[in-house]
PDB file of all heavy atoms in Angstrom:
ATOM      1  N   ARG A   1      -8.592   5.678  -2.109  1.00  0.00           N
ATOM      2  CA  ARG A   1      -8.903   6.816  -2.981  1.00  0.00           C
ATOM      3  C   ARG A   1      -8.936   8.124  -2.195  1.00  0.00           C
ATOM      4  O   ARG A   1      -8.579   9.184  -2.716  1.00  0.00           O
ATOM      5  CB  ARG A   1     -10.257   6.615  -3.659  1.00  0.00           C
ATOM      6  CG  ARG A   1     -10.425   5.331  -4.444  1.00  0.00           C
ATOM      7  CD  ARG A   1      -9.605   5.288  -5.694  1.00  0.00           C
ATOM      8  NE  ARG A   1      -9.928   4.109  -6.486  1.00  0.00           N
ATOM      9  CZ  ARG A   1      -9.084   3.476  -7.268  1.00  0.00           C
ATOM     10  NH1 ARG A   1      -7.844   3.909  -7.382  1.00  0.00           N
ATOM     11  NH2 ARG A   1      -9.439   2.417  -7.960  1.00  0.00           N
ATOM     12  N   ASP A   2      -9.350   8.041  -0.900  1.00  0.00           N
ATOM     13  CA  ASP A   2      -9.450   9.250  -0.081  1.00  0.00           C
ATOM     14  C   ASP A   2      -8.143   9.603   0.626  1.00  0.00           C
ATOM     15  O   ASP A   2      -8.084  10.591   1.369  1.00  0.00           O
ATOM     16  CB  ASP A   2     -10.557   9.083   0.962  1.00  0.00           C
ATOM     17  CG  ASP A   2     -11.941   8.977   0.340  1.00  0.00           C
ATOM     18  OD1 ASP A   2     -12.097   9.402  -0.827  1.00  0.00           O
ATOM     19  OD2 ASP A   2     -12.857   8.450   0.998  1.00  0.00           O
ATOM     20  N   GLY A   3      -7.112   8.782   0.448  1.00  0.00           N
ATOM     21  CA  GLY A   3      -5.827   9.059   1.068  1.00  0.00           C
ATOM     22  C   GLY A   3      -5.758   8.702   2.539  1.00  0.00           C
ATOM     23  O   GLY A   3      -4.892   9.225   3.263  1.00  0.00           O
ATOM     24  N   VAL A   4      -6.651   7.798   3.014  1.00  0.00           N
ATOM     25  CA  VAL A   4      -6.642   7.368   4.419  1.00  0.00           C
ATOM     26  C   VAL A   4      -5.830   6.085   4.533  1.00  0.00           C
ATOM     27  O   VAL A   4      -6.176   5.054   3.945  1.00  0.00           O
ATOM     28  CB  VAL A   4      -8.079   7.128   4.929  1.00  0.00           C
ATOM     29  CG1 VAL A   4      -8.048   6.649   6.376  1.00  0.00           C
ATOM     30  CG2 VAL A   4      -8.906   8.394   4.788  1.00  0.00           C
ATOM     31  N   PHE A   5      -4.745   6.133   5.299  1.00  0.00           N
ATOM     32  CA  PHE A   5      -3.876   4.969   5.452  1.00  0.00           C
ATOM     33  C   PHE A   5      -3.246   4.960   6.838  1.00  0.00           C
ATOM     34  O   PHE A   5      -2.664   5.959   7.256  1.00  0.00           O
ATOM     35  CB  PHE A   5      -2.779   4.986   4.388  1.00  0.00           C
ATOM     36  CG  PHE A   5      -1.798   3.854   4.518  1.00  0.00           C
ATOM     37  CD1 PHE A   5      -2.184   2.554   4.217  1.00  0.00           C
ATOM     38  CD2 PHE A   5      -0.501   4.080   4.950  1.00  0.00           C
ATOM     39  CE1 PHE A   5      -1.287   1.511   4.333  1.00  0.00           C
ATOM     40  CE2 PHE A   5       0.411   3.040   5.071  1.00  0.00           C
ATOM     41  CZ  PHE A   5       0.009   1.749   4.752  1.00  0.00           C
ATOM     42  N   PRO A   6      -3.348   3.824   7.561  1.00  0.00           N
ATOM     43  CA  PRO A   6      -4.183   2.662   7.266  1.00  0.00           C
ATOM     44  C   PRO A   6      -5.676   3.010   7.383  1.00  0.00           C
ATOM     45  O   PRO A   6      -6.020   4.024   8.003  1.00  0.00           O
ATOM     46  CB  PRO A   6      -3.772   1.645   8.328  1.00  0.00           C
ATOM     47  CG  PRO A   6      -2.528   2.154   8.951  1.00  0.00           C
ATOM     48  CD  PRO A   6      -2.565   3.636   8.787  1.00  0.00           C
ATOM     49  N   PRO A   7      -6.571   2.168   6.828  1.00  0.00           N
ATOM     50  CA  PRO A   7      -8.005   2.453   6.915  1.00  0.00           C
ATOM     51  C   PRO A   7      -8.500   2.362   8.348  1.00  0.00           C
ATOM     52  O   PRO A   7      -7.877   1.717   9.196  1.00  0.00           O
ATOM     53  CB  PRO A   7      -8.642   1.369   6.028  1.00  0.00           C
ATOM     54  CG  PRO A   7      -7.631   0.281   5.970  1.00  0.00           C
ATOM     55  CD  PRO A   7      -6.291   0.941   6.064  1.00  0.00           C
ATOM     56  N   GLU A   8      -9.619   3.008   8.620  1.00  0.00           N
ATOM     57  CA  GLU A   8     -10.193   2.980   9.958  1.00  0.00           C
ATOM     58  C   GLU A   8     -10.576   1.545  10.347  1.00  0.00           C
ATOM     59  O   GLU A   8     -11.055   0.774   9.504  1.00  0.00           O
ATOM     60  CB  GLU A   8     -11.447   3.865  10.014  1.00  0.00           C
ATOM     61  CG  GLU A   8     -11.158   5.347   9.868  1.00  0.00           C
ATOM     62  CD  GLU A   8     -10.348   5.886  11.028  1.00  0.00           C
ATOM     63  OE1 GLU A   8     -10.570   5.426  12.177  1.00  0.00           O
ATOM     64  OE2 GLU A   8      -9.491   6.757  10.809  1.00  0.00           O
ATOM     65  N   PRO A   9     -10.368   1.153  11.616  1.00  0.00           N
ATOM     66  CA  PRO A   9     -10.720  -0.206  12.046  1.00  0.00           C
ATOM     67  C   PRO A   9     -12.223  -0.465  11.904  1.00  0.00           C
ATOM     68  O   PRO A   9     -13.043   0.443  12.047  1.00  0.00           O
ATOM     69  CB  PRO A   9     -10.292  -0.235  13.516  1.00  0.00           C
ATOM     70  CG  PRO A   9      -9.371   0.916  13.693  1.00  0.00           C
ATOM     71  CD  PRO A   9      -9.754   1.943  12.694  1.00  0.00           C
ATOM     72  N   THR A  10     -12.555  -1.718  11.633  1.00  0.00           N
ATOM     73  CA  THR A  10     -13.963  -2.111  11.512  1.00  0.00           C
ATOM     74  C   THR A  10     -14.502  -2.690  12.812  1.00  0.00           C
ATOM     75  O   THR A  10     -15.709  -2.797  12.986  1.00  0.00           O
ATOM     76  CB  THR A  10     -14.141  -3.153  10.410  1.00  0.00           C
ATOM     77  OG1 THR A  10     -13.462  -4.373  10.802  1.00  0.00           O
ATOM     78  CG2 THR A  10     -13.571  -2.662   9.093  1.00  0.00           C
ATOM     79  N   GLY A  11     -13.609  -3.097  13.721  1.00  0.00           N
ATOM     80  CA  GLY A  11     -14.039  -3.720  14.970  1.00  0.00           C
ATOM     81  C   GLY A  11     -13.888  -5.222  14.972  1.00  0.00           C
ATOM     82  O   GLY A  11     -13.953  -5.857  16.027  1.00  0.00           O
ATOM     83  N   ASP A  12     -13.671  -5.822  13.793  1.00  0.00           N
ATOM     84  CA  ASP A  12     -13.441  -7.260  13.691  1.00  0.00           C
ATOM     85  C   ASP A  12     -11.967  -7.485  13.380  1.00  0.00           C
ATOM     86  O   ASP A  12     -11.453  -6.987  12.374  1.00  0.00           O
ATOM     87  CB  ASP A  12     -14.316  -7.870  12.590  1.00  0.00           C
ATOM     88  CG  ASP A  12     -14.070  -9.357  12.412  1.00  0.00           C
ATOM     89  OD1 ASP A  12     -14.602 -10.137  13.213  1.00  0.00           O
ATOM     90  OD2 ASP A  12     -13.331  -9.724  11.472  1.00  0.00           O
ATOM     91  N   GLU A  13     -11.273  -8.255  14.244  1.00  0.00           N
ATOM     92  CA  GLU A  13      -9.819  -8.352  14.143  1.00  0.00           C
ATOM     93  C   GLU A  13      -9.367  -8.935  12.803  1.00  0.00           C
ATOM     94  O   GLU A  13      -8.475  -8.397  12.150  1.00  0.00           O
ATOM     95  CB  GLU A  13      -9.257  -9.196  15.290  1.00  0.00           C
ATOM     96  CG  GLU A  13      -7.730  -9.235  15.298  1.00  0.00           C
ATOM     97  CD  GLU A  13      -7.166  -9.960  16.505  1.00  0.00           C
ATOM     98  OE1 GLU A  13      -7.961 -10.531  17.280  1.00  0.00           O
ATOM     99  OE2 GLU A  13      -5.933  -9.964  16.657  1.00  0.00           O
ATOM    100  N   ARG A  14      -9.996 -10.044  12.365  1.00  0.00           N
ATOM    101  CA  ARG A  14      -9.581 -10.658  11.101  1.00  0.00           C
ATOM    102  C   ARG A  14      -9.868  -9.722   9.934  1.00  0.00           C
ATOM    103  O   ARG A  14      -9.075  -9.596   9.002  1.00  0.00           O
ATOM    104  CB  ARG A  14     -10.279 -12.004  10.915  1.00  0.00           C
ATOM    105  CG  ARG A  14      -9.646 -13.158  11.712  1.00  0.00           C
ATOM    106  CD  ARG A  14      -8.202 -13.390  11.277  1.00  0.00           C
ATOM    107  NE  ARG A  14      -7.503 -14.352  12.101  1.00  0.00           N
ATOM    108  CZ  ARG A  14      -7.320 -15.631  11.780  1.00  0.00           C
ATOM    109  NH1 ARG A  14      -7.823 -16.107  10.660  1.00  0.00           N
ATOM    110  NH2 ARG A  14      -6.655 -16.430  12.571  1.00  0.00           N
ATOM    111  N   SER A  15     -11.016  -9.069   9.942  1.00  0.00           N
ATOM    112  CA  SER A  15     -11.343  -8.126   8.876  1.00  0.00           C
ATOM    113  C   SER A  15     -10.358  -6.969   8.853  1.00  0.00           C
ATOM    114  O   SER A  15      -9.949  -6.486   7.779  1.00  0.00           O
ATOM    115  CB  SER A  15     -12.770  -7.596   9.051  1.00  0.00           C
ATOM    116  OG  SER A  15     -13.719  -8.621   8.894  1.00  0.00           O
ATOM    117  N   ASP A  16      -9.951  -6.517  10.041  1.00  0.00           N
ATOM    118  CA  ASP A  16      -9.000  -5.414  10.103  1.00  0.00           C
ATOM    119  C   ASP A  16      -7.631  -5.831   9.551  1.00  0.00           C
ATOM    120  O   ASP A  16      -6.947  -5.038   8.899  1.00  0.00           O
ATOM    121  CB  ASP A  16      -8.862  -4.912  11.539  1.00  0.00           C
ATOM    122  CG  ASP A  16     -10.080  -4.120  11.989  1.00  0.00           C
ATOM    123  OD1 ASP A  16     -10.855  -3.686  11.112  1.00  0.00           O
ATOM    124  OD2 ASP A  16     -10.275  -3.948  13.207  1.00  0.00           O
ATOM    125  N   TRP A  17      -7.230  -7.089   9.803  1.00  0.00           N
ATOM    126  CA  TRP A  17      -5.970  -7.576   9.234  1.00  0.00           C
ATOM    127  C   TRP A  17      -6.056  -7.630   7.713  1.00  0.00           C
ATOM    128  O   TRP A  17      -5.122  -7.265   7.000  1.00  0.00           O
ATOM    129  CB  TRP A  17      -5.618  -8.948   9.797  1.00  0.00           C
ATOM    130  CG  TRP A  17      -4.782  -8.904  11.039  1.00  0.00           C
ATOM    131  CD1 TRP A  17      -5.122  -9.329  12.291  1.00  0.00           C
ATOM    132  CD2 TRP A  17      -3.434  -8.406  11.151  1.00  0.00           C
ATOM    133  NE1 TRP A  17      -4.089  -9.128  13.173  1.00  0.00           N
ATOM    134  CE2 TRP A  17      -3.047  -8.566  12.496  1.00  0.00           C
ATOM    135  CE3 TRP A  17      -2.544  -7.839  10.244  1.00  0.00           C
ATOM    136  CZ2 TRP A  17      -1.784  -8.171  12.948  1.00  0.00           C
ATOM    137  CZ3 TRP A  17      -1.282  -7.452  10.696  1.00  0.00           C
ATOM    138  CH2 TRP A  17      -0.916  -7.625  12.035  1.00  0.00           C
ATOM    139  N   THR A  18      -7.187  -8.087   7.198  1.00  0.00           N
ATOM    140  CA  THR A  18      -7.368  -8.140   5.746  1.00  0.00           C
ATOM    141  C   THR A  18      -7.329  -6.738   5.157  1.00  0.00           C
ATOM    142  O   THR A  18      -6.668  -6.494   4.131  1.00  0.00           O
ATOM    143  CB  THR A  18      -8.690  -8.829   5.383  1.00  0.00           C
ATOM    144  OG1 THR A  18      -8.677 -10.168   5.886  1.00  0.00           O
ATOM    145  CG2 THR A  18      -8.903  -8.863   3.878  1.00  0.00           C
ATOM    146  N   ALA A  19      -8.027  -5.809   5.792  1.00  0.00           N
ATOM    147  CA  ALA A  19      -8.025  -4.427   5.320  1.00  0.00           C
ATOM    148  C   ALA A  19      -6.614  -3.844   5.366  1.00  0.00           C
ATOM    149  O   ALA A  19      -6.191  -3.125   4.448  1.00  0.00           O
ATOM    150  CB  ALA A  19      -8.977  -3.581   6.161  1.00  0.00           C
ATOM    151  N   PHE A  20      -5.879  -4.151   6.430  1.00  0.00           N
ATOM    152  CA  PHE A  20      -4.505  -3.654   6.536  1.00  0.00           C
ATOM    153  C   PHE A  20      -3.640  -4.217   5.412  1.00  0.00           C
ATOM    154  O   PHE A  20      -2.912  -3.477   4.737  1.00  0.00           O
ATOM    155  CB  PHE A  20      -3.909  -4.047   7.892  1.00  0.00           C
ATOM    156  CG  PHE A  20      -2.457  -3.674   8.038  1.00  0.00           C
ATOM    157  CD1 PHE A  20      -2.093  -2.384   8.373  1.00  0.00           C
ATOM    158  CD2 PHE A  20      -1.462  -4.620   7.824  1.00  0.00           C
ATOM    159  CE1 PHE A  20      -0.754  -2.030   8.488  1.00  0.00           C
ATOM    160  CE2 PHE A  20      -0.128  -4.275   7.935  1.00  0.00           C
ATOM    161  CZ  PHE A  20       0.229  -2.980   8.271  1.00  0.00           C
ATOM    162  N   GLY A  21      -3.710  -5.537   5.187  1.00  0.00           N
ATOM    163  CA  GLY A  21      -2.901  -6.153   4.144  1.00  0.00           C
ATOM    164  C   GLY A  21      -3.200  -5.586   2.771  1.00  0.00           C
ATOM    165  O   GLY A  21      -2.292  -5.296   1.981  1.00  0.00           O
ATOM    166  N   LEU A  22      -4.473  -5.416   2.472  1.00  0.00           N
ATOM    167  CA  LEU A  22      -4.862  -4.873   1.171  1.00  0.00           C
ATOM    168  C   LEU A  22      -4.414  -3.419   1.007  1.00  0.00           C
ATOM    169  O   LEU A  22      -3.936  -3.014  -0.054  1.00  0.00           O
ATOM    170  CB  LEU A  22      -6.374  -4.979   0.987  1.00  0.00           C
ATOM    171  CG  LEU A  22      -6.940  -6.384   0.794  1.00  0.00           C
ATOM    172  CD1 LEU A  22      -8.460  -6.340   0.763  1.00  0.00           C
ATOM    173  CD2 LEU A  22      -6.401  -7.019  -0.476  1.00  0.00           C
ATOM    174  N   SER A  23      -4.584  -2.634   2.057  1.00  0.00           N
ATOM    175  CA  SER A  23      -4.219  -1.219   1.954  1.00  0.00           C
ATOM    176  C   SER A  23      -2.708  -1.050   1.819  1.00  0.00           C
ATOM    177  O   SER A  23      -2.243  -0.198   1.044  1.00  0.00           O
ATOM    178  CB  SER A  23      -4.741  -0.442   3.170  1.00  0.00           C
ATOM    179  OG  SER A  23      -4.142  -0.893   4.366  1.00  0.00           O
ATOM    180  N   VAL A  24      -1.931  -1.864   2.529  1.00  0.00           N
ATOM    181  CA  VAL A  24      -0.475  -1.805   2.385  1.00  0.00           C
ATOM    182  C   VAL A  24      -0.071  -2.195   0.967  1.00  0.00           C
ATOM    183  O   VAL A  24       0.797  -1.566   0.346  1.00  0.00           O
ATOM    184  CB  VAL A  24       0.198  -2.733   3.417  1.00  0.00           C
ATOM    185  CG1 VAL A  24       1.643  -2.996   3.035  1.00  0.00           C
ATOM    186  CG2 VAL A  24       0.151  -2.111   4.801  1.00  0.00           C
ATOM    187  N   ALA A  25      -0.714  -3.232   0.433  1.00  0.00           N
ATOM    188  CA  ALA A  25      -0.391  -3.676  -0.921  1.00  0.00           C
ATOM    189  C   ALA A  25      -0.697  -2.585  -1.941  1.00  0.00           C
ATOM    190  O   ALA A  25       0.083  -2.359  -2.888  1.00  0.00           O
ATOM    191  CB  ALA A  25      -1.172  -4.940  -1.247  1.00  0.00           C
ATOM    192  N   LEU A  26      -1.809  -1.890  -1.772  1.00  0.00           N
ATOM    193  CA  LEU A  26      -2.153  -0.805  -2.693  1.00  0.00           C
ATOM    194  C   LEU A  26      -1.158   0.355  -2.580  1.00  0.00           C
ATOM    195  O   LEU A  26      -0.757   0.940  -3.602  1.00  0.00           O
ATOM    196  CB  LEU A  26      -3.572  -0.316  -2.404  1.00  0.00           C
ATOM    197  CG  LEU A  26      -4.705  -1.243  -2.838  1.00  0.00           C
ATOM    198  CD1 LEU A  26      -6.024  -0.807  -2.213  1.00  0.00           C
ATOM    199  CD2 LEU A  26      -4.818  -1.275  -4.361  1.00  0.00           C
ATOM    200  N   GLN A  27      -0.768   0.688  -1.364  1.00  0.00           N
ATOM    201  CA  GLN A  27       0.211   1.762  -1.181  1.00  0.00           C
ATOM    202  C   GLN A  27       1.551   1.383  -1.811  1.00  0.00           C
ATOM    203  O   GLN A  27       2.210   2.216  -2.457  1.00  0.00           O
ATOM    204  CB  GLN A  27       0.388   2.057   0.308  1.00  0.00           C
ATOM    205  CG  GLN A  27      -0.818   2.645   0.997  1.00  0.00           C
ATOM    206  CD  GLN A  27      -1.107   4.075   0.575  1.00  0.00           C
ATOM    207  OE1 GLN A  27      -0.240   4.777   0.079  1.00  0.00           O
ATOM    208  NE2 GLN A  27      -2.341   4.506   0.757  1.00  0.00           N
ATOM    209  N   ALA A  28       1.965   0.135  -1.611  1.00  0.00           N
ATOM    210  CA  ALA A  28       3.228  -0.323  -2.193  1.00  0.00           C
ATOM    211  C   ALA A  28       3.162  -0.288  -3.714  1.00  0.00           C
ATOM    212  O   ALA A  28       4.111   0.154  -4.377  1.00  0.00           O
ATOM    213  CB  ALA A  28       3.539  -1.742  -1.707  1.00  0.00           C
ATOM    214  N   ALA A  29       2.038  -0.750  -4.279  1.00  0.00           N
ATOM    215  CA  ALA A  29       1.892  -0.751  -5.737  1.00  0.00           C
ATOM    216  C   ALA A  29       1.931   0.665  -6.292  1.00  0.00           C
ATOM    217  O   ALA A  29       2.537   0.915  -7.345  1.00  0.00           O
ATOM    218  CB  ALA A  29       0.586  -1.443  -6.121  1.00  0.00           C
ATOM    219  N   ARG A  30       1.311   1.599  -5.576  1.00  0.00           N
ATOM    220  CA  ARG A  30       1.337   3.001  -6.032  1.00  0.00           C
ATOM    221  C   ARG A  30       2.764   3.529  -6.044  1.00  0.00           C
ATOM    222  O   ARG A  30       3.198   4.176  -7.016  1.00  0.00           O
ATOM    223  CB  ARG A  30       0.461   3.857  -5.116  1.00  0.00           C
ATOM    224  CG  ARG A  30       0.570   5.350  -5.385  1.00  0.00           C
ATOM    225  CD  ARG A  30      -0.238   6.142  -4.380  1.00  0.00           C
ATOM    226  NE  ARG A  30      -1.652   6.168  -4.743  1.00  0.00           N
ATOM    227  CZ  ARG A  30      -2.629   6.594  -3.926  1.00  0.00           C
ATOM    228  NH1 ARG A  30      -2.314   6.982  -2.691  1.00  0.00           N
ATOM    229  NH2 ARG A  30      -3.870   6.615  -4.332  1.00  0.00           N
ATOM    230  N   LEU A  31       3.516   3.256  -4.982  1.00  0.00           N
ATOM    231  CA  LEU A  31       4.898   3.733  -4.901  1.00  0.00           C
ATOM    232  C   LEU A  31       5.755   3.107  -6.006  1.00  0.00           C
ATOM    233  O   LEU A  31       6.507   3.804  -6.694  1.00  0.00           O
ATOM    234  CB  LEU A  31       5.473   3.389  -3.528  1.00  0.00           C
ATOM    235  CG  LEU A  31       6.953   3.693  -3.295  1.00  0.00           C
ATOM    236  CD1 LEU A  31       7.238   5.176  -3.456  1.00  0.00           C
ATOM    237  CD2 LEU A  31       7.375   3.208  -1.903  1.00  0.00           C
ATOM    238  N   LEU A  32       5.613   1.806  -6.196  1.00  0.00           N
ATOM    239  CA  LEU A  32       6.434   1.123  -7.190  1.00  0.00           C
ATOM    240  C   LEU A  32       6.040   1.511  -8.611  1.00  0.00           C
ATOM    241  O   LEU A  32       6.892   1.640  -9.493  1.00  0.00           O
ATOM    242  CB  LEU A  32       6.313  -0.387  -7.005  1.00  0.00           C
ATOM    243  CG  LEU A  32       6.905  -0.932  -5.702  1.00  0.00           C
ATOM    244  CD1 LEU A  32       6.545  -2.394  -5.516  1.00  0.00           C
ATOM    245  CD2 LEU A  32       8.419  -0.751  -5.687  1.00  0.00           C
ATOM    246  N   ARG A  33       4.755   1.687  -8.838  1.00  0.00           N
ATOM    247  CA  ARG A  33       4.297   2.052 -10.183  1.00  0.00           C
ATOM    248  C   ARG A  33       4.790   3.455 -10.566  1.00  0.00           C
ATOM    249  O   ARG A  33       5.172   3.695 -11.711  1.00  0.00           O
ATOM    250  CB  ARG A  33       2.776   1.993 -10.252  1.00  0.00           C
ATOM    251  CG  ARG A  33       2.217   2.153 -11.657  1.00  0.00           C
ATOM    252  CD  ARG A  33       0.702   2.024 -11.647  1.00  0.00           C
ATOM    253  NE  ARG A  33       0.146   2.207 -12.969  1.00  0.00           N
ATOM    254  CZ  ARG A  33      -0.069   1.231 -13.838  1.00  0.00           C
ATOM    255  NH1 ARG A  33       0.233  -0.024 -13.505  1.00  0.00           N
ATOM    256  NH2 ARG A  33      -0.602   1.470 -15.019  1.00  0.00           N
ATOM    257  N   SER A  34       4.789   4.353  -9.592  1.00  0.00           N
ATOM    258  CA  SER A  34       5.203   5.724  -9.897  1.00  0.00           C
ATOM    259  C   SER A  34       6.707   5.848 -10.041  1.00  0.00           C
ATOM    260  O   SER A  34       7.199   6.741 -10.744  1.00  0.00           O
ATOM    261  CB  SER A  34       4.719   6.668  -8.793  1.00  0.00           C
ATOM    262  OG  SER A  34       5.327   6.345  -7.550  1.00  0.00           O
ATOM    263  N   SER A  35       7.460   4.951  -9.413  1.00  0.00           N
ATOM    264  CA  SER A  35       8.915   5.087  -9.405  1.00  0.00           C
ATOM    265  C   SER A  35       9.629   4.136 -10.352  1.00  0.00           C
ATOM    266  O   SER A  35      10.791   4.344 -10.686  1.00  0.00           O
ATOM    267  CB  SER A  35       9.455   4.859  -7.983  1.00  0.00           C
ATOM    268  OG  SER A  35       8.863   5.750  -7.065  1.00  0.00           O
ATOM    269  N   GLY A  36       8.941   3.077 -10.778  1.00  0.00           N
ATOM    270  CA  GLY A  36       9.590   2.038 -11.564  1.00  0.00           C
ATOM    271  C   GLY A  36      10.345   2.510 -12.790  1.00  0.00           C
ATOM    272  O   GLY A  36      11.503   2.135 -13.005  1.00  0.00           O
ATOM    273  N   PRO A  37       9.743   3.364 -13.640  1.00  0.00           N
ATOM    274  CA  PRO A  37      10.452   3.783 -14.857  1.00  0.00           C
ATOM    275  C   PRO A  37      11.721   4.580 -14.580  1.00  0.00           C
ATOM    276  O   PRO A  37      12.537   4.757 -15.477  1.00  0.00           O
ATOM    277  CB  PRO A  37       9.405   4.656 -15.572  1.00  0.00           C
ATOM    278  CG  PRO A  37       8.087   4.232 -15.004  1.00  0.00           C
ATOM    279  CD  PRO A  37       8.371   3.876 -13.577  1.00  0.00           C
ATOM    280  N   ASN A  38      11.861   5.056 -13.340  1.00  0.00           N
ATOM    281  CA  ASN A  38      13.009   5.914 -13.026  1.00  0.00           C
ATOM    282  C   ASN A  38      14.161   5.165 -12.369  1.00  0.00           C
ATOM    283  O   ASN A  38      15.155   5.777 -11.990  1.00  0.00           O
ATOM    284  CB  ASN A  38      12.557   7.050 -12.089  1.00  0.00           C
ATOM    285  CG  ASN A  38      11.473   7.906 -12.722  1.00  0.00           C
ATOM    286  OD1 ASN A  38      11.544   8.233 -13.898  1.00  0.00           O
ATOM    287  ND2 ASN A  38      10.455   8.243 -11.945  1.00  0.00           N
ATOM    288  N   VAL A  39      14.031   3.838 -12.217  1.00  0.00           N
ATOM    289  CA  VAL A  39      15.110   3.087 -11.583  1.00  0.00           C
ATOM    290  C   VAL A  39      16.298   3.005 -12.526  1.00  0.00           C
ATOM    291  O   VAL A  39      16.178   2.568 -13.674  1.00  0.00           O
ATOM    292  CB  VAL A  39      14.643   1.665 -11.203  1.00  0.00           C
ATOM    293  CG1 VAL A  39      15.815   0.854 -10.675  1.00  0.00           C
ATOM    294  CG2 VAL A  39      13.547   1.738 -10.156  1.00  0.00           C
ATOM    295  N   ASP A  40      17.440   3.443 -12.034  1.00  0.00           N
ATOM    296  CA  ASP A  40      18.680   3.391 -12.805  1.00  0.00           C
ATOM    297  C   ASP A  40      19.434   2.137 -12.380  1.00  0.00           C
ATOM    298  O   ASP A  40      19.599   1.871 -11.188  1.00  0.00           O
ATOM    299  CB  ASP A  40      19.520   4.644 -12.514  1.00  0.00           C
ATOM    300  CG  ASP A  40      20.723   4.774 -13.444  1.00  0.00           C
ATOM    301  OD1 ASP A  40      21.262   3.734 -13.863  1.00  0.00           O
ATOM    302  OD2 ASP A  40      21.114   5.915 -13.723  1.00  0.00           O
ATOM    303  N   THR A  41      19.901   1.361 -13.358  1.00  0.00           N
ATOM    304  CA  THR A  41      20.631   0.137 -12.999  1.00  0.00           C
ATOM    305  C   THR A  41      21.883   0.443 -12.194  1.00  0.00           C
ATOM    306  O   THR A  41      22.384  -0.416 -11.471  1.00  0.00           O
ATOM    307  CB  THR A  41      21.015  -0.650 -14.263  1.00  0.00           C
ATOM    308  OG1 THR A  41      21.735   0.224 -15.157  1.00  0.00           O
ATOM    309  CG2 THR A  41      19.789  -1.187 -14.977  1.00  0.00           C
ATOM    310  N   ALA A  42      22.371   1.681 -12.270  1.00  0.00           N
ATOM    311  CA  ALA A  42      23.528   2.054 -11.456  1.00  0.00           C
ATOM    312  C   ALA A  42      23.170   2.113  -9.972  1.00  0.00           C
ATOM    313  O   ALA A  42      24.050   2.079  -9.115  1.00  0.00           O
ATOM    314  CB  ALA A  42      24.073   3.403 -11.918  1.00  0.00           C
ATOM    315  N   GLU A  43      21.851   2.216  -9.678  1.00  0.00           N
ATOM    316  CA  GLU A  43      21.408   2.291  -8.288  1.00  0.00           C
ATOM    317  C   GLU A  43      21.110   0.907  -7.701  1.00  0.00           C
ATOM    318  O   GLU A  43      20.684   0.805  -6.559  1.00  0.00           O
ATOM    319  CB  GLU A  43      20.134   3.146  -8.214  1.00  0.00           C
ATOM    320  CG  GLU A  43      20.324   4.578  -8.712  1.00  0.00           C
ATOM    321  CD  GLU A  43      19.010   5.321  -8.807  1.00  0.00           C
ATOM    322  OE1 GLU A  43      17.962   4.724  -8.461  1.00  0.00           O
ATOM    323  OE2 GLU A  43      19.014   6.483  -9.226  1.00  0.00           O
ATOM    324  N   VAL A  44      21.330  -0.137  -8.489  1.00  0.00           N
ATOM    325  CA  VAL A  44      21.031  -1.486  -8.035  1.00  0.00           C
ATOM    326  C   VAL A  44      22.242  -2.063  -7.320  1.00  0.00           C
ATOM    327  O   VAL A  44      23.357  -2.079  -7.852  1.00  0.00           O
ATOM    328  CB  VAL A  44      20.643  -2.390  -9.224  1.00  0.00           C
ATOM    329  CG1 VAL A  44      20.385  -3.806  -8.744  1.00  0.00           C
ATOM    330  CG2 VAL A  44      19.420  -1.827  -9.938  1.00  0.00           C
TER     331      VAL A  44
END
């Protein structure tokens, strides 16, 4: 929500991997959600 990507490390390696995976997924979903209606089949 604050536009921080990737999120700041927590100090725990496994937790940081989870945070990274979730944040990447959210960024990808935002990009795809905003662009999806504009995909032209000619661009496929």
